[in-house]
Protein backbone atom coordinates (compact mmCIF):
# COMPACT_ATOMS: atom_id res chain seq x y z
CA MET A 1 -6.79 -58.09 -28.49
CA GLN A 2 -7.62 -55.13 -26.30
CA GLY A 3 -4.80 -52.58 -25.99
CA LYS A 4 -3.47 -51.52 -22.62
CA VAL A 5 -4.49 -48.08 -21.31
CA LYS A 6 -1.56 -46.10 -19.99
CA ILE A 7 -2.51 -44.12 -16.89
CA ILE A 8 -0.54 -40.90 -16.46
CA SER A 9 0.16 -39.91 -12.89
CA PHE A 10 2.26 -37.15 -11.34
CA GLN A 11 1.73 -38.45 -7.81
CA GLY A 12 4.30 -36.96 -5.43
CA GLN A 13 5.72 -34.56 -8.02
CA ASN A 14 5.71 -30.78 -7.67
CA ILE A 15 3.98 -28.94 -10.51
CA TYR A 16 5.11 -25.30 -10.79
CA ILE A 17 2.62 -22.80 -12.21
CA GLY A 18 3.46 -19.24 -13.27
CA ILE A 19 0.42 -17.02 -13.87
CA ASP A 20 0.47 -13.72 -15.73
CA ALA A 21 -2.92 -12.38 -14.60
CA HIS A 22 -4.98 -9.92 -16.62
CA LEU A 23 -8.59 -8.80 -16.51
CA LYS A 24 -9.86 -10.92 -19.43
CA ASN A 25 -7.44 -13.84 -19.41
CA TRP A 26 -4.63 -15.61 -17.60
CA THR A 27 -1.50 -16.75 -19.40
CA VAL A 28 -0.34 -19.83 -17.50
CA THR A 29 2.95 -21.73 -17.76
CA VAL A 30 3.18 -25.14 -16.11
CA MET A 31 6.55 -26.77 -15.39
CA THR A 32 7.20 -30.23 -13.99
CA GLU A 33 10.24 -31.44 -12.09
CA ASN A 34 11.42 -33.09 -15.32
CA SER A 35 11.35 -29.71 -17.14
CA LEU A 36 8.21 -30.49 -19.16
CA THR A 37 6.75 -27.06 -19.97
CA LYS A 38 3.32 -26.08 -21.26
CA THR A 39 1.95 -22.57 -21.73
CA ILE A 40 -1.75 -21.91 -22.20
CA SER A 41 -4.16 -18.98 -22.22
CA GLN A 42 -7.37 -19.41 -20.24
CA ASN A 43 -10.25 -17.56 -18.62
CA PRO A 44 -9.26 -15.72 -15.41
CA ASP A 45 -10.68 -18.40 -13.14
CA ALA A 46 -9.03 -20.68 -10.58
CA GLY A 47 -11.60 -23.43 -11.20
CA THR A 48 -10.73 -23.57 -14.91
CA LEU A 49 -7.04 -23.86 -14.07
CA TYR A 50 -7.69 -26.61 -11.52
CA THR A 51 -9.70 -28.62 -14.07
CA TYR A 52 -6.85 -28.33 -16.59
CA LEU A 53 -4.26 -29.42 -14.01
CA GLN A 54 -6.34 -32.40 -12.90
CA ARG A 55 -6.73 -33.52 -16.50
CA THR A 56 -3.15 -32.91 -17.69
CA PHE A 57 -1.08 -33.34 -14.52
CA PRO A 58 -3.22 -35.57 -12.27
CA GLY A 59 -2.10 -36.23 -8.73
CA GLY A 60 0.57 -33.54 -8.67
CA ASN A 61 1.39 -31.14 -5.85
CA TYR A 62 0.37 -27.82 -7.41
CA LEU A 63 2.45 -24.71 -6.56
CA SER A 64 1.59 -21.36 -8.16
CA ALA A 65 2.73 -17.75 -8.17
CA TYR A 66 1.56 -14.50 -9.72
CA GLU A 67 2.53 -10.85 -9.55
CA ALA A 68 0.77 -8.53 -7.13
CA GLY A 69 -1.50 -6.31 -9.18
CA PHE A 70 -5.01 -5.16 -9.90
CA CYS A 71 -6.70 -8.41 -8.80
CA GLY A 72 -5.31 -8.06 -5.29
CA PHE A 73 -5.45 -11.26 -3.25
CA SER A 74 -8.75 -12.62 -4.59
CA ALA A 75 -6.98 -14.87 -7.11
CA HIS A 76 -4.71 -16.17 -4.34
CA ARG A 77 -7.69 -17.08 -2.15
CA ASN A 78 -9.49 -18.79 -5.03
CA LEU A 79 -6.40 -20.82 -5.94
CA GLU A 80 -5.96 -21.91 -2.32
CA LYS A 81 -9.64 -22.92 -2.21
CA TYR A 82 -8.99 -25.45 -5.00
CA GLY A 83 -5.91 -26.85 -3.25
CA ILE A 84 -3.37 -24.99 -5.39
CA LYS A 85 -0.70 -23.58 -3.07
CA SER A 86 -0.19 -19.97 -4.05
CA ILE A 87 2.12 -17.07 -3.34
CA VAL A 88 1.75 -13.45 -4.44
CA VAL A 89 5.05 -11.90 -5.52
CA ASN A 90 6.29 -8.33 -5.72
CA PRO A 91 7.09 -7.80 -9.44
CA ALA A 92 10.42 -6.21 -8.50
CA ASP A 93 11.49 -9.45 -6.78
CA ILE A 94 11.21 -11.66 -9.87
CA PRO A 95 14.62 -12.32 -11.51
CA THR A 96 14.45 -10.81 -15.01
CA THR A 97 16.94 -10.91 -17.86
CA ASP A 98 17.66 -7.91 -20.06
CA LYS A 99 15.88 -9.62 -22.97
CA GLU A 100 12.77 -10.28 -20.86
CA ARG A 101 12.77 -6.66 -19.80
CA LYS A 102 13.04 -5.30 -23.34
CA GLN A 103 10.82 -7.87 -25.06
CA LYS A 104 7.98 -8.13 -22.61
CA GLU A 105 5.04 -10.39 -23.45
CA ASP A 106 2.53 -12.43 -21.47
CA ARG A 107 3.88 -15.89 -22.40
CA ARG A 108 7.44 -14.87 -21.55
CA ASP A 109 6.31 -13.34 -18.24
CA SER A 110 4.43 -16.48 -17.16
CA ARG A 111 7.43 -18.69 -18.06
CA LYS A 112 9.69 -16.39 -16.07
CA ILE A 113 7.48 -16.71 -12.98
CA ALA A 114 7.21 -20.51 -13.30
CA ARG A 115 10.98 -20.87 -13.78
CA SER A 116 11.78 -18.69 -10.77
CA LEU A 117 9.24 -20.55 -8.64
CA LYS A 118 10.80 -23.89 -9.60
CA ASN A 119 14.30 -22.59 -8.78
CA GLY A 120 13.17 -21.41 -5.34
CA GLU A 121 13.95 -17.78 -6.14
CA LEU A 122 10.57 -16.29 -5.17
CA THR A 123 9.39 -15.08 -1.78
CA GLY A 124 5.73 -14.26 -1.38
CA ILE A 125 4.47 -11.05 0.15
CA HIS A 126 2.24 -11.05 3.22
CA VAL A 127 -1.42 -11.81 2.45
CA PRO A 128 -3.78 -10.09 4.91
CA ASP A 129 -7.11 -11.52 5.98
CA LYS A 130 -10.24 -10.22 4.26
CA GLU A 131 -11.32 -7.98 7.15
CA THR A 132 -7.96 -6.23 7.28
CA GLU A 133 -7.88 -5.85 3.50
CA GLU A 134 -11.32 -4.25 3.47
CA LEU A 135 -10.37 -1.86 6.28
CA ARG A 136 -7.23 -1.01 4.30
CA SER A 137 -9.35 -0.17 1.26
CA LEU A 138 -11.47 2.22 3.36
CA VAL A 139 -8.40 3.98 4.79
CA ARG A 140 -6.84 4.33 1.33
CA TYR A 141 -10.13 5.60 -0.10
CA ARG A 142 -10.19 8.24 2.64
CA LYS A 143 -6.75 9.40 1.54
CA THR A 144 -7.98 9.61 -2.06
CA LEU A 145 -10.94 11.74 -0.93
CA VAL A 146 -8.63 14.13 0.94
CA LYS A 147 -6.52 14.56 -2.21
CA GLU A 148 -9.61 15.16 -4.37
CA ILE A 149 -10.93 17.77 -1.95
CA SER A 150 -7.59 19.61 -2.03
CA ARG A 151 -7.56 19.53 -5.85
CA HIS A 152 -11.06 20.98 -6.12
CA LYS A 153 -10.29 23.67 -3.55
CA SER A 154 -7.26 24.64 -5.62
CA ARG A 155 -9.44 24.79 -8.75
CA ILE A 156 -11.83 27.18 -7.03
CA LYS A 157 -9.03 29.51 -5.92
CA SER A 158 -7.46 29.33 -9.37
CA HIS A 159 -10.85 30.26 -10.88
CA LEU A 160 -11.12 33.27 -8.56
CA HIS A 161 -7.61 34.48 -9.48
CA CYS A 162 -8.23 33.91 -13.18
CA PHE A 163 -11.27 36.21 -13.20
CA GLY A 164 -9.84 38.76 -10.78
CA ILE A 165 -12.27 38.00 -7.95
CA ALA A 166 -10.56 39.10 -4.74
CA ILE A 167 -11.25 37.29 -1.49
CA PRO A 168 -12.45 39.78 1.16
CA GLY A 169 -9.85 40.63 3.78
CA PRO A 170 -11.60 39.05 6.80
CA LEU A 171 -12.08 35.81 4.82
CA ALA A 172 -8.60 35.60 3.29
CA GLN A 173 -7.23 33.76 6.30
CA ALA A 174 -10.42 31.73 6.71
CA SER A 175 -10.05 30.44 3.15
CA THR A 176 -6.99 28.49 4.27
CA TYR A 177 -9.19 26.37 6.52
CA TRP A 178 -12.27 26.60 4.27
CA SER A 179 -14.60 27.97 6.95
CA GLY A 180 -18.37 28.08 6.76
CA LYS A 181 -18.36 31.82 6.17
CA PHE A 182 -15.90 31.46 3.30
CA THR A 183 -18.10 28.79 1.71
CA GLN A 184 -21.15 31.03 2.11
CA TRP A 185 -19.29 33.89 0.39
CA LEU A 186 -18.40 31.59 -2.52
CA GLU A 187 -22.06 30.70 -2.96
CA GLU A 188 -22.90 34.40 -3.26
CA VAL A 189 -20.17 35.28 -5.78
CA GLN A 190 -21.68 36.72 -8.98
CA GLN A 191 -19.97 36.68 -12.38
CA SER A 192 -20.83 38.55 -15.56
CA THR A 193 -22.20 35.46 -17.34
CA PRO A 194 -23.93 32.29 -16.10
CA TYR A 195 -21.12 30.15 -17.58
CA GLY A 196 -18.43 31.24 -15.13
CA GLY A 197 -20.87 31.05 -12.25
CA MET A 198 -21.80 27.51 -13.22
CA VAL A 199 -18.16 26.41 -13.15
CA LEU A 200 -17.63 27.94 -9.72
CA GLN A 201 -20.83 26.60 -8.17
CA SER A 202 -20.41 23.15 -9.72
CA THR A 203 -16.88 22.83 -8.33
CA LEU A 204 -18.07 24.09 -4.95
CA ALA A 205 -20.89 21.52 -4.94
CA THR A 206 -18.32 18.78 -5.62
CA VAL A 207 -16.23 19.95 -2.66
CA LYS A 208 -19.27 19.92 -0.36
CA HIS A 209 -20.22 16.43 -1.53
CA LEU A 210 -16.69 15.06 -1.04
CA ARG A 211 -16.47 16.64 2.42
CA ALA A 212 -19.76 14.98 3.39
CA GLU A 213 -18.40 11.61 2.24
CA LEU A 214 -15.18 12.21 4.18
CA LEU A 215 -17.21 12.96 7.31
CA LYS A 216 -19.02 9.61 6.96
CA ILE A 217 -15.72 7.75 6.70
CA ASN A 218 -14.22 9.59 9.70
CA ARG A 219 -17.25 8.63 11.78
CA LYS A 220 -16.90 5.02 10.69
CA LEU A 221 -13.23 4.98 11.66
CA ARG A 222 -14.02 6.50 15.08
CA GLU A 223 -16.33 3.54 15.72
CA LEU A 224 -13.28 1.26 15.59
CA GLU A 225 -12.16 2.64 18.96
CA LYS A 226 -15.23 0.98 20.52
CA GLU A 227 -14.64 -2.41 18.89
CA VAL A 228 -12.92 -5.19 20.81
CA MET A 229 -10.64 -6.16 17.90
CA TYR A 230 -9.21 -2.68 17.31
CA GLY A 231 -10.03 -0.53 20.35
CA PHE A 232 -7.16 -1.70 22.59
CA LYS A 233 -4.57 -1.53 19.80
CA ILE A 234 -5.66 1.99 18.80
CA LYS A 235 -5.40 3.10 22.45
CA LEU A 236 -1.84 1.73 22.65
CA LEU A 237 -0.74 3.47 19.45
CA ARG A 238 -2.34 6.79 20.38
CA SER A 239 -0.23 6.87 23.55
CA ILE A 240 2.76 7.63 21.26
CA PRO A 241 3.27 11.36 20.46
CA GLY A 242 2.38 12.11 16.85
CA ILE A 243 -0.01 9.16 16.51
CA GLY A 244 -3.67 10.08 16.11
CA LEU A 245 -6.68 7.99 15.12
CA ILE A 246 -6.04 8.07 11.36
CA VAL A 247 -2.36 7.18 11.75
CA ALA A 248 -3.23 4.36 14.17
CA VAL A 249 -5.85 2.85 11.87
CA THR A 250 -3.49 3.15 8.89
CA LEU A 251 -0.81 1.28 10.81
CA LEU A 252 -3.20 -1.50 11.81
CA SER A 253 -4.60 -1.91 8.30
CA GLU A 254 -1.24 -1.83 6.51
CA LEU A 255 0.81 -3.89 8.98
CA GLU A 256 -1.94 -6.18 10.34
CA THR A 257 0.51 -7.78 12.77
CA ILE A 258 3.90 -6.49 13.88
CA LEU A 259 5.08 -10.06 14.58
CA ARG A 260 5.69 -10.72 10.87
CA PHE A 261 8.75 -8.45 11.06
CA LYS A 262 11.73 -10.14 12.72
CA ASN A 263 13.45 -6.87 13.61
CA LEU A 264 13.31 -3.10 13.16
CA ASP A 265 15.37 -3.23 9.95
CA LYS A 266 12.77 -5.46 8.30
CA LEU A 267 10.01 -3.06 9.35
CA CYS A 268 11.93 0.00 8.10
CA SER A 269 12.57 -1.76 4.80
CA PHE A 270 8.85 -2.54 4.39
CA VAL A 271 7.84 1.04 5.15
CA GLY A 272 10.59 2.45 2.91
CA LEU A 273 12.86 4.26 5.36
CA VAL A 274 16.13 2.66 4.26
CA PRO A 275 18.67 4.43 2.03
CA ARG A 276 19.96 3.37 -1.37
CA THR A 277 23.46 1.90 -1.13
CA ASN A 278 26.16 1.35 -3.71
CA THR A 279 29.16 -0.55 -2.41
CA SER A 280 31.72 -1.73 -4.95
CA GLY A 281 35.44 -2.10 -4.32
CA GLU A 282 36.64 0.97 -2.48
CA ASN A 283 33.46 2.92 -3.23
CA ASP A 284 30.82 3.02 -0.52
CA LYS A 285 27.98 5.39 -1.31
CA THR A 286 24.73 5.98 0.57
CA GLY A 287 21.99 7.84 -1.24
CA LYS A 288 18.42 8.97 -0.63
CA ILE A 289 15.76 6.66 0.77
CA THR A 290 14.74 3.90 -1.60
CA SER A 291 11.74 4.34 -3.89
CA ARG A 292 10.53 0.88 -2.88
CA SER A 293 8.08 1.40 -0.04
CA ASN A 294 4.59 1.09 1.29
CA LYS A 295 3.60 4.55 0.06
CA PRO A 296 0.52 5.16 2.24
CA LEU A 297 2.43 4.08 5.33
CA ARG A 298 5.69 5.92 4.63
CA GLY A 299 3.94 9.22 3.97
CA ILE A 300 1.84 9.11 7.11
CA ILE A 301 4.78 7.99 9.32
CA ILE A 302 6.88 10.95 8.15
CA GLU A 303 3.96 13.32 8.80
CA ALA A 304 3.60 11.84 12.29
CA ALA A 305 7.35 12.25 12.85
CA TRP A 306 7.07 16.03 12.34
CA ILE A 307 4.41 16.20 15.05
CA ALA A 308 6.31 13.84 17.36
CA SER A 309 9.48 15.94 17.02
CA ARG A 310 7.58 18.82 18.64
CA ASN A 311 5.73 16.86 21.34
CA ASP A 312 8.14 14.17 22.51
CA PRO A 313 11.04 15.69 24.53
CA ALA A 314 13.51 12.95 23.58
CA LEU A 315 12.67 13.14 19.86
CA ALA A 316 12.71 16.95 19.96
CA GLN A 317 16.23 16.97 21.40
CA CYS A 318 17.38 14.33 18.90
CA TYR A 319 15.91 16.31 15.99
CA LEU A 320 17.72 19.51 17.04
CA GLU A 321 21.02 17.62 17.28
CA LEU A 322 20.53 16.08 13.84
CA CYS A 323 19.71 19.46 12.28
CA LYS A 324 23.17 20.69 13.25
CA ARG A 325 24.78 18.33 10.75
CA MET A 326 22.09 17.72 8.11
CA LYS A 327 19.08 19.29 6.46
CA PRO A 328 15.72 19.11 8.31
CA ASN A 329 14.18 16.91 5.61
CA LYS A 330 16.91 14.33 6.12
CA ALA A 331 16.80 14.64 9.90
CA ILE A 332 13.09 13.87 9.97
CA ILE A 333 13.70 10.52 8.26
CA LYS A 334 15.86 9.47 11.18
CA ILE A 335 13.17 10.69 13.58
CA ALA A 336 10.64 8.63 11.61
CA LYS A 337 12.80 5.53 12.19
CA LYS A 338 12.88 6.23 15.92
CA LEU A 339 9.11 6.73 15.89
CA LEU A 340 8.73 3.42 14.05
CA ASN A 341 10.81 1.75 16.75
CA ARG A 342 8.41 3.11 19.38
CA ILE A 343 5.46 1.81 17.36
CA ARG A 344 7.05 -1.63 17.08
CA TYR A 345 7.73 -1.79 20.82
CA VAL A 346 4.19 -0.76 21.77
CA MET A 347 2.51 -3.18 19.34
CA LYS A 348 4.82 -6.09 20.18
CA ASN A 349 4.69 -5.77 23.97
CA GLU A 350 1.13 -4.39 24.18
CA LYS A 351 2.20 -1.65 26.56
CA GLU A 352 1.42 2.06 26.36
CA TYR A 353 4.29 4.37 25.50
CA VAL A 354 5.93 6.23 28.40
CA HIS A 355 7.36 9.66 27.55
CA SER A 356 11.08 10.02 28.04
CA VAL A 357 12.19 12.81 30.35
CA VAL A 358 15.10 15.00 29.25
CA GLN A 359 17.12 16.45 32.13
């Protein structure tokens, strides 16, 4: 007598998948609605995971989550391609027990993500389209180049001070801006041995190379003003005092669309211009701005706020009033919020900014 074959089906059931993603492997925990849990280690590939799910949990509605990290959004896109609904989560937003924090391991982390996903405790971060993400990578790489150039310039000046090489008077001021004449003088500096000269000239060559790369990137970013997709938006943003080309492109690449923020508070929270608060009983404390932020965006918005406070009459007056009751570094944060409000208005309504007139 032929035995009956039992067909397993999870049709109509949600299958929750927590992924702890690493370079060489994924640790994956799968939970069903009936609390059946399996944890496996597999190659870092969405296709391999899909094959496993089809074989072990056929017919299910697959929902997955993983922490934002080194793999960016490529894993998310690959999972979505195979029909696995995916969200990317900020690691700080995943509920974590004290034990999980102190005894961290891949299997425990994947179970934590799967459990939180099943309980509806996770909210995914915004996933940009590929074009915006690639533009973002170029803007961030430009910032890295600027930092590297500053570091190498500091090394050159430190080298000069270390060996007692004085910068000529007429060039002392020019060295601040790294003029052509100052660079030429550096090339002609002679030291007592070839070793010191090699260090100086090698560092100088690195600076010249990095500056050439920076020039290429700046030219590429200027071309965006002529493109249909970005040209109009850049023009709108540059109508705001303090907003130049680099700030405008950074805003467009980091925010993508202003419509994903319901109000100004949400936008300020994303940028990182909200203070720490501690309210308990009769205590109500407000501290410094939170460390949670979009670092590239927060830094450049605060820099733009300093410029805007000198060029926008309304912001200039507001800044002077704030400085009467707080330190300038705290006052500029409030100016940055006002500047962010102007940015939100311009991007949302697609209208150029009109300068306020102070009587």
